[in-house]
PDB file of N, CA and C in Angstrom:
ATOM      1  N   MET A   1      10.200  34.376  49.326  1.00  0.00           N
ATOM      2  CA  MET A   1      11.365  34.829  48.619  1.00  0.00           C
ATOM      3  C   MET A   1      12.567  33.986  48.989  1.00  0.00           C
ATOM      4  N   ALA A   2      13.465  33.874  48.080  1.00  0.00           N
ATOM      5  CA  ALA A   2      14.689  33.109  48.339  1.00  0.00           C
ATOM      6  C   ALA A   2      15.659  33.963  49.124  1.00  0.00           C
ATOM      7  N   LYS A   3      16.423  33.307  49.981  1.00  0.00           N
ATOM      8  CA  LYS A   3      17.431  34.018  50.762  1.00  0.00           C
ATOM      9  C   LYS A   3      18.542  34.491  49.851  1.00  0.00           C
ATOM     10  N   ALA A   4      19.199  35.530  50.263  1.00  0.00           N
ATOM     11  CA  ALA A   4      20.313  36.054  49.485  1.00  0.00           C
ATOM     12  C   ALA A   4      21.422  35.020  49.434  1.00  0.00           C
ATOM     13  N   GLY A   5      22.007  34.821  48.271  1.00  0.00           N
ATOM     14  CA  GLY A   5      23.111  33.890  48.112  1.00  0.00           C
ATOM     15  C   GLY A   5      22.671  32.474  47.762  1.00  0.00           C
ATOM     16  N   THR A   6      21.383  32.199  47.725  1.00  0.00           N
ATOM     17  CA  THR A   6      20.923  30.864  47.329  1.00  0.00           C
ATOM     18  C   THR A   6      20.284  30.965  45.950  1.00  0.00           C
ATOM     19  N   ARG A   7      20.360  29.867  45.250  1.00  0.00           N
ATOM     20  CA  ARG A   7      19.756  29.844  43.919  1.00  0.00           C
ATOM     21  C   ARG A   7      18.425  29.120  43.981  1.00  0.00           C
ATOM     22  N   SER A   8      17.534  29.541  43.176  1.00  0.00           N
ATOM     23  CA  SER A   8      16.267  28.826  43.107  1.00  0.00           C
ATOM     24  C   SER A   8      16.438  27.665  42.120  1.00  0.00           C
ATOM     25  N   SER A   9      15.764  26.566  42.387  1.00  0.00           N
ATOM     26  CA  SER A   9      15.881  25.403  41.506  1.00  0.00           C
ATOM     27  C   SER A   9      15.101  25.668  40.228  1.00  0.00           C
ATOM     28  N   PRO A  10      15.554  25.075  39.111  1.00  0.00           N
ATOM     29  CA  PRO A  10      14.837  25.288  37.856  1.00  0.00           C
ATOM     30  C   PRO A  10      13.444  24.672  37.936  1.00  0.00           C
ATOM     31  N   SER A  11      12.547  25.244  37.189  1.00  0.00           N
ATOM     32  CA  SER A  11      11.186  24.733  37.204  1.00  0.00           C
ATOM     33  C   SER A  11      11.143  23.349  36.565  1.00  0.00           C
ATOM     34  N   LYS A  12      10.127  22.585  36.922  1.00  0.00           N
ATOM     35  CA  LYS A  12      10.019  21.207  36.419  1.00  0.00           C
ATOM     36  C   LYS A  12       9.915  21.138  34.899  1.00  0.00           C
ATOM     37  N   PRO A  13       9.131  21.986  34.233  1.00  0.00           N
ATOM     38  CA  PRO A  13       9.094  21.901  32.769  1.00  0.00           C
ATOM     39  C   PRO A  13      10.472  22.146  32.147  1.00  0.00           C
ATOM     40  N   ARG A  14      11.232  23.050  32.715  1.00  0.00           N
ATOM     41  CA  ARG A  14      12.561  23.332  32.171  1.00  0.00           C
ATOM     42  C   ARG A  14      13.500  22.145  32.387  1.00  0.00           C
ATOM     43  N   ARG A  15      13.407  21.494  33.533  1.00  0.00           N
ATOM     44  CA  ARG A  15      14.220  20.316  33.826  1.00  0.00           C
ATOM     45  C   ARG A  15      13.856  19.184  32.857  1.00  0.00           C
ATOM     46  N   GLY A  16      12.568  19.025  32.599  1.00  0.00           N
ATOM     47  CA  GLY A  16      12.111  17.995  31.654  1.00  0.00           C
ATOM     48  C   GLY A  16      12.651  18.240  30.256  1.00  0.00           C
ATOM     49  N   LEU A  17      12.729  19.508  29.871  1.00  0.00           N
ATOM     50  CA  LEU A  17      13.281  19.848  28.562  1.00  0.00           C
ATOM     51  C   LEU A  17      14.751  19.457  28.473  1.00  0.00           C
ATOM     52  N   TRP A  18      15.512  19.708  29.528  1.00  0.00           N
ATOM     53  CA  TRP A  18      16.938  19.339  29.541  1.00  0.00           C
ATOM     54  C   TRP A  18      17.111  17.823  29.507  1.00  0.00           C
ATOM     55  N   ILE A  19      16.248  17.108  30.205  1.00  0.00           N
ATOM     56  CA  ILE A  19      16.326  15.642  30.178  1.00  0.00           C
ATOM     57  C   ILE A  19      16.013  15.123  28.784  1.00  0.00           C
ATOM     58  N   LEU A  20      14.982  15.676  28.159  1.00  0.00           N
ATOM     59  CA  LEU A  20      14.639  15.283  26.790  1.00  0.00           C
ATOM     60  C   LEU A  20      15.775  15.588  25.829  1.00  0.00           C
ATOM     61  N   LEU A  21      16.388  16.735  25.967  1.00  0.00           N
ATOM     62  CA  LEU A  21      17.518  17.111  25.122  1.00  0.00           C
ATOM     63  C   LEU A  21      18.693  16.147  25.322  1.00  0.00           C
ATOM     64  N   ALA A  22      18.954  15.739  26.553  1.00  0.00           N
ATOM     65  CA  ALA A  22      20.034  14.788  26.841  1.00  0.00           C
ATOM     66  C   ALA A  22      19.742  13.428  26.211  1.00  0.00           C
ATOM     67  N   ILE A  23      18.493  12.987  26.267  1.00  0.00           N
ATOM     68  CA  ILE A  23      18.117  11.706  25.668  1.00  0.00           C
ATOM     69  C   ILE A  23      18.269  11.759  24.154  1.00  0.00           C
ATOM     70  N   ILE A  24      17.805  12.825  23.537  1.00  0.00           N
ATOM     71  CA  ILE A  24      17.930  12.979  22.079  1.00  0.00           C
ATOM     72  C   ILE A  24      19.398  13.005  21.671  1.00  0.00           C
ATOM     73  N   THR A  25      20.223  13.706  22.436  1.00  0.00           N
ATOM     74  CA  THR A  25      21.656  13.763  22.141  1.00  0.00           C
ATOM     75  C   THR A  25      22.292  12.385  22.249  1.00  0.00           C
ATOM     76  N   ALA A  26      21.938  11.624  23.276  1.00  0.00           N
ATOM     77  CA  ALA A  26      22.494  10.283  23.460  1.00  0.00           C
ATOM     78  C   ALA A  26      22.068   9.348  22.331  1.00  0.00           C
ATOM     79  N   VAL A  27      20.806   9.388  21.936  1.00  0.00           N
ATOM     80  CA  VAL A  27      20.315   8.541  20.848  1.00  0.00           C
ATOM     81  C   VAL A  27      20.996   8.913  19.536  1.00  0.00           C
ATOM     82  N   THR A  28      21.155  10.199  19.282  1.00  0.00           N
ATOM     83  CA  THR A  28      21.836  10.652  18.068  1.00  0.00           C
ATOM     84  C   THR A  28      23.284  10.176  18.051  1.00  0.00           C
ATOM     85  N   ALA A  29      23.965  10.282  19.176  1.00  0.00           N
ATOM     86  CA  ALA A  29      25.358   9.821  19.258  1.00  0.00           C
ATOM     87  C   ALA A  29      25.455   8.321  19.009  1.00  0.00           C
ATOM     88  N   LEU A  30      24.537   7.548  19.578  1.00  0.00           N
ATOM     89  CA  LEU A  30      24.543   6.097  19.355  1.00  0.00           C
ATOM     90  C   LEU A  30      24.274   5.756  17.891  1.00  0.00           C
ATOM     91  N   CYS A  31      23.321   6.438  17.284  1.00  0.00           N
ATOM     92  CA  CYS A  31      23.031   6.204  15.861  1.00  0.00           C
ATOM     93  C   CYS A  31      24.249   6.529  14.999  1.00  0.00           C
ATOM     94  N   PHE A  32      24.916   7.618  15.303  1.00  0.00           N
ATOM     95  CA  PHE A  32      26.103   8.000  14.543  1.00  0.00           C
ATOM     96  C   PHE A  32      27.210   6.971  14.739  1.00  0.00           C
ATOM     97  N   HIS A  33      27.378   6.498  15.959  1.00  0.00           N
ATOM     98  CA  HIS A  33      28.447   5.534  16.261  1.00  0.00           C
ATOM     99  C   HIS A  33      28.218   4.197  15.552  1.00  0.00           C
ATOM    100  N   TYR A  34      26.976   3.741  15.486  1.00  0.00           N
ATOM    101  CA  TYR A  34      26.668   2.430  14.906  1.00  0.00           C
ATOM    102  C   TYR A  34      26.132   2.510  13.478  1.00  0.00           C
ATOM    103  N   ARG A  35      26.315   3.622  12.798  1.00  0.00           N
ATOM    104  CA  ARG A  35      25.747   3.785  11.462  1.00  0.00           C
ATOM    105  C   ARG A  35      26.303   2.795  10.452  1.00  0.00           C
ATOM    106  N   ALA A  36      27.598   2.499  10.499  1.00  0.00           N
ATOM    107  CA  ALA A  36      28.197   1.569   9.537  1.00  0.00           C
ATOM    108  C   ALA A  36      27.639   0.159   9.727  1.00  0.00           C
ATOM    109  N   GLN A  37      27.495  -0.262  10.970  1.00  0.00           N
ATOM    110  CA  GLN A  37      26.939  -1.581  11.239  1.00  0.00           C
ATOM    111  C   GLN A  37      25.482  -1.660  10.806  1.00  0.00           C
ATOM    112  N   ALA A  38      24.733  -0.606  11.068  1.00  0.00           N
ATOM    113  CA  ALA A  38      23.318  -0.587  10.689  1.00  0.00           C
ATOM    114  C   ALA A  38      23.160  -0.624   9.174  1.00  0.00           C
ATOM    115  N   LEU A  39      23.977   0.136   8.465  1.00  0.00           N
ATOM    116  CA  LEU A  39      23.920   0.146   7.009  1.00  0.00           C
ATOM    117  C   LEU A  39      24.305  -1.220   6.449  1.00  0.00           C
ATOM    118  N   GLY A  40      25.351  -1.811   6.985  1.00  0.00           N
ATOM    119  CA  GLY A  40      25.775  -3.138   6.533  1.00  0.00           C
ATOM    120  C   GLY A  40      24.707  -4.184   6.773  1.00  0.00           C
ATOM    121  N   PHE A  41      24.104  -4.153   7.965  1.00  0.00           N
ATOM    122  CA  PHE A  41      23.038  -5.103   8.262  1.00  0.00           C
ATOM    123  C   PHE A  41      21.860  -4.897   7.321  1.00  0.00           C
ATOM    124  N   ALA A  42      21.460  -3.660   7.097  1.00  0.00           N
ATOM    125  CA  ALA A  42      20.307  -3.373   6.234  1.00  0.00           C
ATOM    126  C   ALA A  42      20.567  -3.838   4.808  1.00  0.00           C
ATOM    127  N   GLN A  43      21.767  -3.606   4.294  1.00  0.00           N
ATOM    128  CA  GLN A  43      22.091  -4.029   2.931  1.00  0.00           C
ATOM    129  C   GLN A  43      22.115  -5.551   2.816  1.00  0.00           C
ATOM    130  N   ALA A  44      22.702  -6.224   3.792  1.00  0.00           N
ATOM    131  CA  ALA A  44      22.731  -7.685   3.772  1.00  0.00           C
ATOM    132  C   ALA A  44      21.323  -8.260   3.909  1.00  0.00           C
ATOM    133  N   ALA A  45      20.528  -7.669   4.792  1.00  0.00           N
ATOM    134  CA  ALA A  45      19.171  -8.168   5.018  1.00  0.00           C
ATOM    135  C   ALA A  45      18.295  -8.014   3.777  1.00  0.00           C
ATOM    136  N   THR A  46      18.408  -6.885   3.093  1.00  0.00           N
ATOM    137  CA  THR A  46      17.577  -6.691   1.897  1.00  0.00           C
ATOM    138  C   THR A  46      18.045  -7.578   0.751  1.00  0.00           C
ATOM    139  N   ALA A  47      19.348  -7.704   0.554  1.00  0.00           N
ATOM    140  CA  ALA A  47      19.864  -8.557  -0.524  1.00  0.00           C
ATOM    141  C   ALA A  47      19.449 -10.009  -0.295  1.00  0.00           C
ATOM    142  N   TYR A  48      19.646 -10.500   0.913  1.00  0.00           N
ATOM    143  CA  TYR A  48      19.300 -11.884   1.240  1.00  0.00           C
ATOM    144  C   TYR A  48      17.793 -12.109   1.104  1.00  0.00           C
ATOM    145  N   SER A  49      17.013 -11.212   1.673  1.00  0.00           N
ATOM    146  CA  SER A  49      15.559 -11.372   1.646  1.00  0.00           C
ATOM    147  C   SER A  49      15.009 -11.333   0.228  1.00  0.00           C
ATOM    148  N   ALA A  50      15.520 -10.426  -0.600  1.00  0.00           N
ATOM    149  CA  ALA A  50      15.053 -10.336  -1.987  1.00  0.00           C
ATOM    150  C   ALA A  50      15.374 -11.607  -2.756  1.00  0.00           C
ATOM    151  N   ARG A  51      16.564 -12.122  -2.601  1.00  0.00           N
ATOM    152  CA  ARG A  51      16.991 -13.321  -3.322  1.00  0.00           C
ATOM    153  C   ARG A  51      16.206 -14.549  -2.889  1.00  0.00           C
ATOM    154  N   VAL A  52      16.045 -14.723  -1.590  1.00  0.00           N
ATOM    155  CA  VAL A  52      15.305 -15.883  -1.075  1.00  0.00           C
ATOM    156  C   VAL A  52      13.829 -15.790  -1.445  1.00  0.00           C
ATOM    157  N   ALA A  53      13.231 -14.622  -1.304  1.00  0.00           N
ATOM    158  CA  ALA A  53      11.809 -14.464  -1.637  1.00  0.00           C
ATOM    159  C   ALA A  53      11.569 -14.632  -3.136  1.00  0.00           C
ATOM    160  N   CYS A  54      12.490 -14.158  -3.960  1.00  0.00           N
ATOM    161  CA  CYS A  54      12.365 -14.332  -5.411  1.00  0.00           C
ATOM    162  C   CYS A  54      12.396 -15.819  -5.768  1.00  0.00           C
ATOM    163  N   SER A  55      13.316 -16.555  -5.169  1.00  0.00           N
ATOM    164  CA  SER A  55      13.390 -18.000  -5.422  1.00  0.00           C
ATOM    165  C   SER A  55      12.131 -18.698  -4.933  1.00  0.00           C
ATOM    166  N   CYS A  56      11.663 -18.306  -3.783  1.00  0.00           N
ATOM    167  CA  CYS A  56      10.444 -18.881  -3.226  1.00  0.00           C
ATOM    168  C   CYS A  56       9.259 -18.624  -4.159  1.00  0.00           C
ATOM    169  N   ARG A  57       9.169 -17.385  -4.632  1.00  0.00           N
ATOM    170  CA  ARG A  57       8.010 -16.971  -5.439  1.00  0.00           C
ATOM    171  C   ARG A  57       8.057 -17.524  -6.860  1.00  0.00           C
ATOM    172  N   PHE A  58       9.201 -17.397  -7.530  1.00  0.00           N
ATOM    173  CA  PHE A  58       9.238 -17.707  -8.956  1.00  0.00           C
ATOM    174  C   PHE A  58       9.898 -19.035  -9.300  1.00  0.00           C
ATOM    175  N   VAL A  59      10.634 -19.639  -8.390  1.00  0.00           N
ATOM    176  CA  VAL A  59      11.186 -20.975  -8.625  1.00  0.00           C
ATOM    177  C   VAL A  59      10.269 -22.019  -7.981  1.00  0.00           C
ATOM    178  N   ALA A  60       9.914 -21.796  -6.714  1.00  0.00           N
ATOM    179  CA  ALA A  60       9.062 -22.751  -6.002  1.00  0.00           C
ATOM    180  C   ALA A  60       7.577 -22.526  -6.268  1.00  0.00           C
ATOM    181  N   GLY A  61       7.215 -21.333  -6.745  1.00  0.00           N
ATOM    182  CA  GLY A  61       5.823 -21.052  -7.082  1.00  0.00           C
ATOM    183  C   GLY A  61       4.919 -20.804  -5.887  1.00  0.00           C
ATOM    184  N   ARG A  62       5.472 -20.412  -4.761  1.00  0.00           N
ATOM    185  CA  ARG A  62       4.679 -20.131  -3.563  1.00  0.00           C
ATOM    186  C   ARG A  62       4.197 -18.683  -3.577  1.00  0.00           C
ATOM    187  N   GLY A  63       3.202 -18.378  -2.764  1.00  0.00           N
ATOM    188  CA  GLY A  63       2.676 -17.016  -2.660  1.00  0.00           C
ATOM    189  C   GLY A  63       3.569 -16.151  -1.786  1.00  0.00           C
ATOM    190  N   MET A  64       3.446 -14.834  -1.923  1.00  0.00           N
ATOM    191  CA  MET A  64       4.296 -13.918  -1.159  1.00  0.00           C
ATOM    192  C   MET A  64       4.054 -14.019   0.345  1.00  0.00           C
ATOM    193  N   LYS A  65       2.820 -14.222   0.777  1.00  0.00           N
ATOM    194  CA  LYS A  65       2.567 -14.365   2.214  1.00  0.00           C
ATOM    195  C   LYS A  65       3.300 -15.583   2.762  1.00  0.00           C
ATOM    196  N   ASP A  66       3.308 -16.656   1.997  1.00  0.00           N
ATOM    197  CA  ASP A  66       4.011 -17.859   2.419  1.00  0.00           C
ATOM    198  C   ASP A  66       5.529 -17.641   2.376  1.00  0.00           C
ATOM    199  N   CYS A  67       6.005 -16.930   1.388  1.00  0.00           N
ATOM    200  CA  CYS A  67       7.445 -16.657   1.259  1.00  0.00           C
ATOM    201  C   CYS A  67       7.944 -15.747   2.384  1.00  0.00           C
ATOM    202  N   ALA A  68       7.095 -14.839   2.852  1.00  0.00           N
ATOM    203  CA  ALA A  68       7.493 -13.921   3.922  1.00  0.00           C
ATOM    204  C   ALA A  68       7.831 -14.680   5.203  1.00  0.00           C
ATOM    205  N   LYS A  69       7.291 -15.880   5.360  1.00  0.00           N
ATOM    206  CA  LYS A  69       7.585 -16.707   6.530  1.00  0.00           C
ATOM    207  C   LYS A  69       9.038 -17.176   6.537  1.00  0.00           C
ATOM    208  N   ASP A  70       9.704 -17.167   5.386  1.00  0.00           N
ATOM    209  CA  ASP A  70      11.083 -17.645   5.271  1.00  0.00           C
ATOM    210  C   ASP A  70      12.117 -16.622   5.710  1.00  0.00           C
ATOM    211  N   LYS A  71      11.686 -15.387   5.991  1.00  0.00           N
ATOM    212  CA  LYS A  71      12.647 -14.358   6.425  1.00  0.00           C
ATOM    213  C   LYS A  71      13.241 -14.754   7.759  1.00  0.00           C
ATOM    214  N   PRO A  72      14.556 -14.618   7.911  1.00  0.00           N
ATOM    215  CA  PRO A  72      15.175 -14.992   9.187  1.00  0.00           C
ATOM    216  C   PRO A  72      14.832 -13.998  10.297  1.00  0.00           C
ATOM    217  N   GLN A  73      14.982 -14.466  11.530  1.00  0.00           N
ATOM    218  CA  GLN A  73      14.726 -13.613  12.686  1.00  0.00           C
ATOM    219  C   GLN A  73      15.675 -12.417  12.642  1.00  0.00           C
ATOM    220  N   GLY A  74      15.166 -11.254  12.952  1.00  0.00           N
ATOM    221  CA  GLY A  74      15.961 -10.035  12.920  1.00  0.00           C
ATOM    222  C   GLY A  74      15.713  -9.192  11.685  1.00  0.00           C
ATOM    223  N   THR A  75      14.966  -9.725  10.729  1.00  0.00           N
ATOM    224  CA  THR A  75      14.679  -8.971   9.506  1.00  0.00           C
ATOM    225  C   THR A  75      13.202  -8.584   9.424  1.00  0.00           C
ATOM    226  N   GLU A  76      12.585  -8.392  10.577  1.00  0.00           N
ATOM    227  CA  GLU A  76      11.162  -8.071  10.614  1.00  0.00           C
ATOM    228  C   GLU A  76      10.841  -6.737   9.950  1.00  0.00           C
ATOM    229  N   LEU A  77      11.781  -5.814   9.918  1.00  0.00           N
ATOM    230  CA  LEU A  77      11.540  -4.505   9.300  1.00  0.00           C
ATOM    231  C   LEU A  77      11.643  -4.536   7.778  1.00  0.00           C
ATOM    232  N   VAL A  78      12.161  -5.616   7.225  1.00  0.00           N
ATOM    233  CA  VAL A  78      12.297  -5.735   5.771  1.00  0.00           C
ATOM    234  C   VAL A  78      10.930  -6.067   5.179  1.00  0.00           C
ATOM    235  N   THR A  79      10.502  -5.251   4.202  1.00  0.00           N
ATOM    236  CA  THR A  79       9.244  -5.513   3.501  1.00  0.00           C
ATOM    237  C   THR A  79       9.546  -6.097   2.133  1.00  0.00           C
ATOM    238  N   LEU A  80       8.657  -6.968   1.666  1.00  0.00           N
ATOM    239  CA  LEU A  80       8.829  -7.640   0.380  1.00  0.00           C
ATOM    240  C   LEU A  80       7.673  -7.296  -0.544  1.00  0.00           C
ATOM    241  N   VAL A  81       7.996  -6.960  -1.798  1.00  0.00           N
ATOM    242  CA  VAL A  81       6.980  -6.660  -2.807  1.00  0.00           C
ATOM    243  C   VAL A  81       7.376  -7.386  -4.081  1.00  0.00           C
ATOM    244  N   ASP A  82       6.430  -8.153  -4.641  1.00  0.00           N
ATOM    245  CA  ASP A  82       6.740  -8.857  -5.884  1.00  0.00           C
ATOM    246  C   ASP A  82       6.151  -8.130  -7.080  1.00  0.00           C
ATOM    247  N   ASP A  83       6.793  -8.310  -8.220  1.00  0.00           N
ATOM    248  CA  ASP A  83       6.320  -7.786  -9.500  1.00  0.00           C
ATOM    249  C   ASP A  83       6.227  -8.992 -10.426  1.00  0.00           C
ATOM    250  N   VAL A  84       5.009  -9.486 -10.622  1.00  0.00           N
ATOM    251  CA  VAL A  84       4.807 -10.716 -11.380  1.00  0.00           C
ATOM    252  C   VAL A  84       5.234 -10.545 -12.835  1.00  0.00           C
ATOM    253  N   GLU A  85       4.935  -9.399 -13.440  1.00  0.00           N
ATOM    254  CA  GLU A  85       5.303  -9.172 -14.846  1.00  0.00           C
ATOM    255  C   GLU A  85       6.818  -9.174 -15.037  1.00  0.00           C
ATOM    256  N   ALA A  86       7.549  -8.527 -14.135  1.00  0.00           N
ATOM    257  CA  ALA A  86       9.007  -8.471 -14.242  1.00  0.00           C
ATOM    258  C   ALA A  86       9.669  -9.702 -13.621  1.00  0.00           C
ATOM    259  N   ARG A  87       8.875 -10.533 -12.948  1.00  0.00           N
ATOM    260  CA  ARG A  87       9.370 -11.718 -12.239  1.00  0.00           C
ATOM    261  C   ARG A  87      10.496 -11.326 -11.281  1.00  0.00           C
ATOM    262  N   SER A  88      10.163 -10.367 -10.414  1.00  0.00           N
ATOM    263  CA  SER A  88      11.145  -9.860  -9.465  1.00  0.00           C
ATOM    264  C   SER A  88      10.514  -9.648  -8.093  1.00  0.00           C
ATOM    265  N   VAL A  89      11.380  -9.579  -7.100  1.00  0.00           N
ATOM    266  CA  VAL A  89      10.961  -9.256  -5.737  1.00  0.00           C
ATOM    267  C   VAL A  89      11.889  -8.164  -5.222  1.00  0.00           C
ATOM    268  N   THR A  90      11.304  -7.118  -4.655  1.00  0.00           N
ATOM    269  CA  THR A  90      12.070  -6.027  -4.068  1.00  0.00           C
ATOM    270  C   THR A  90      11.914  -6.080  -2.556  1.00  0.00           C
ATOM    271  N   ALA A  91      13.044  -6.011  -1.861  1.00  0.00           N
ATOM    272  CA  ALA A  91      13.063  -5.976  -0.396  1.00  0.00           C
ATOM    273  C   ALA A  91      13.539  -4.593   0.023  1.00  0.00           C
ATOM    274  N   ARG A  92      12.844  -4.016   1.004  1.00  0.00           N
ATOM    275  CA  ARG A  92      13.201  -2.674   1.484  1.00  0.00           C
ATOM    276  C   ARG A  92      13.350  -2.660   3.001  1.00  0.00           C
ATOM    277  N   PHE A  93      14.413  -2.010   3.454  1.00  0.00           N
ATOM    278  CA  PHE A  93      14.608  -1.722   4.874  1.00  0.00           C
ATOM    279  C   PHE A  93      14.360  -0.226   4.989  1.00  0.00           C
ATOM    280  N   PRO A  94      13.371   0.212   5.769  1.00  0.00           N
ATOM    281  CA  PRO A  94      12.931   1.610   5.758  1.00  0.00           C
ATOM    282  C   PRO A  94      14.069   2.638   5.852  1.00  0.00           C
ATOM    283  N   LEU A  95      14.082   3.540   4.896  1.00  0.00           N
ATOM    284  CA  LEU A  95      14.984   4.695   4.841  1.00  0.00           C
ATOM    285  C   LEU A  95      16.467   4.350   4.694  1.00  0.00           C
ATOM    286  N   ILE A  96      16.834   3.069   4.588  1.00  0.00           N
ATOM    287  CA  ILE A  96      18.250   2.730   4.569  1.00  0.00           C
ATOM    288  C   ILE A  96      18.669   1.973   3.315  1.00  0.00           C
ATOM    289  N   ALA A  97      17.960   0.894   2.972  1.00  0.00           N
ATOM    290  CA  ALA A  97      18.430   0.047   1.870  1.00  0.00           C
ATOM    291  C   ALA A  97      17.270  -0.580   1.108  1.00  0.00           C
ATOM    292  N   SER A  98      17.555  -0.935  -0.134  1.00  0.00           N
ATOM    293  CA  SER A  98      16.583  -1.608  -0.992  1.00  0.00           C
ATOM    294  C   SER A  98      17.350  -2.455  -2.000  1.00  0.00           C
ATOM    295  N   ASP A  99      16.861  -3.663  -2.259  1.00  0.00           N
ATOM    296  CA  ASP A  99      17.469  -4.547  -3.256  1.00  0.00           C
ATOM    297  C   ASP A  99      16.369  -5.264  -4.011  1.00  0.00           C
ATOM    298  N   THR A 100      16.643  -5.566  -5.289  1.00  0.00           N
ATOM    299  CA  THR A 100      15.694  -6.287  -6.126  1.00  0.00           C
ATOM    300  C   THR A 100      16.377  -7.516  -6.698  1.00  0.00           C
ATOM    301  N   ALA A 101      15.688  -8.653  -6.629  1.00  0.00           N
ATOM    302  CA  ALA A 101      16.161  -9.893  -7.245  1.00  0.00           C
ATOM    303  C   ALA A 101      15.221 -10.228  -8.391  1.00  0.00           C
ATOM    304  N   ILE A 102      15.794 -10.621  -9.525  1.00  0.00           N
ATOM    305  CA  ILE A 102      15.027 -10.907 -10.735  1.00  0.00           C
ATOM    306  C   ILE A 102      15.259 -12.362 -11.134  1.00  0.00           C
ATOM    307  N   TYR A 103      14.177 -13.050 -11.498  1.00  0.00           N
ATOM    308  CA  TYR A 103      14.290 -14.432 -11.962  1.00  0.00           C
ATOM    309  C   TYR A 103      14.781 -14.440 -13.405  1.00  0.00           C
ATOM    310  N   ARG A 104      15.838 -15.174 -13.657  1.00  0.00           N
ATOM    311  CA  ARG A 104      16.389 -15.350 -15.007  1.00  0.00           C
ATOM    312  C   ARG A 104      16.403 -16.837 -15.329  1.00  0.00           C
ATOM    313  N   GLU A 105      15.769 -17.192 -16.425  1.00  0.00           N
ATOM    314  CA  GLU A 105      15.710 -18.592 -16.853  1.00  0.00           C
ATOM    315  C   GLU A 105      17.121 -19.169 -16.963  1.00  0.00           C
ATOM    316  N   GLY A 106      17.332 -20.294 -16.348  1.00  0.00           N
ATOM    317  CA  GLY A 106      18.632 -20.954 -16.380  1.00  0.00           C
ATOM    318  C   GLY A 106      19.590 -20.497 -15.297  1.00  0.00           C
ATOM    319  N   TYR A 107      19.292 -19.369 -14.659  1.00  0.00           N
ATOM    320  CA  TYR A 107      20.168 -18.842 -13.597  1.00  0.00           C
ATOM    321  C   TYR A 107      19.476 -18.787 -12.242  1.00  0.00           C
ATOM    322  N   GLY A 108      18.160 -18.801 -12.232  1.00  0.00           N
ATOM    323  CA  GLY A 108      17.424 -18.617 -10.986  1.00  0.00           C
ATOM    324  C   GLY A 108      17.280 -17.131 -10.696  1.00  0.00           C
ATOM    325  N   CYS A 109      17.267 -16.802  -9.429  1.00  0.00           N
ATOM    326  CA  CYS A 109      17.098 -15.401  -9.030  1.00  0.00           C
ATOM    327  C   CYS A 109      18.454 -14.767  -8.747  1.00  0.00           C
ATOM    328  N   VAL A 110      18.682 -13.623  -9.371  1.00  0.00           N
ATOM    329  CA  VAL A 110      19.934 -12.879  -9.168  1.00  0.00           C
ATOM    330  C   VAL A 110      19.589 -11.455  -8.764  1.00  0.00           C
ATOM    331  N   LEU A 111      20.465 -10.865  -7.981  1.00  0.00           N
ATOM    332  CA  LEU A 111      20.248  -9.479  -7.587  1.00  0.00           C
ATOM    333  C   LEU A 111      20.387  -8.575  -8.803  1.00  0.00           C
ATOM    334  N   LYS A 112      19.569  -7.582  -8.870  1.00  0.00           N
ATOM    335  CA  LYS A 112      19.509  -6.682 -10.032  1.00  0.00           C
ATOM    336  C   LYS A 112      20.860  -6.064 -10.357  1.00  0.00           C
ATOM    337  N   GLU A 113      21.599  -5.607  -9.336  1.00  0.00           N
ATOM    338  CA  GLU A 113      22.894  -4.951  -9.596  1.00  0.00           C
ATOM    339  C   GLU A 113      23.920  -5.925 -10.158  1.00  0.00           C
ATOM    340  N   TRP A 114      23.719  -7.221  -9.977  1.00  0.00           N
ATOM    341  CA  TRP A 114      24.653  -8.214 -10.512  1.00  0.00           C
ATOM    342  C   TRP A 114      24.238  -8.666 -11.903  1.00  0.00           C
ATOM    343  N   ASP A 115      23.069  -8.267 -12.333  1.00  0.00           N
ATOM    344  CA  ASP A 115      22.513  -8.695 -13.615  1.00  0.00           C
ATOM    345  C   ASP A 115      23.024  -7.796 -14.730  1.00  0.00           C
ATOM    346  N   ASP A 116      23.857  -8.334 -15.592  1.00  0.00           N
ATOM    347  CA  ASP A 116      24.377  -7.548 -16.725  1.00  0.00           C
ATOM    348  C   ASP A 116      24.018  -8.173 -18.039  1.00  0.00           C
TER     349      ASP A 116
END
């Protein structure tokens, strides 16, 4: 039994729960703090990757596996999907951003939102 006036220490599973909660809180705070930078990076990465991959695929005539090698370092999470019929390439950054570049005769590849 514990002596009167002393507290018993929390059990290990309970301490582990508090540590896990502190880690989750810290990660959430960091994500919230850097959300604008992350969104900006994701949008720039998808726009750039879609445009470059579209040019690689439909101007240079290379395959998508070969075009994926042209992605700059830091854009490993960006996935590329081509649509041969639409002559377009879509780049996606998971859960954050997506951009599509379309080949237009005489203009090359342009981002879909800029295509009017």
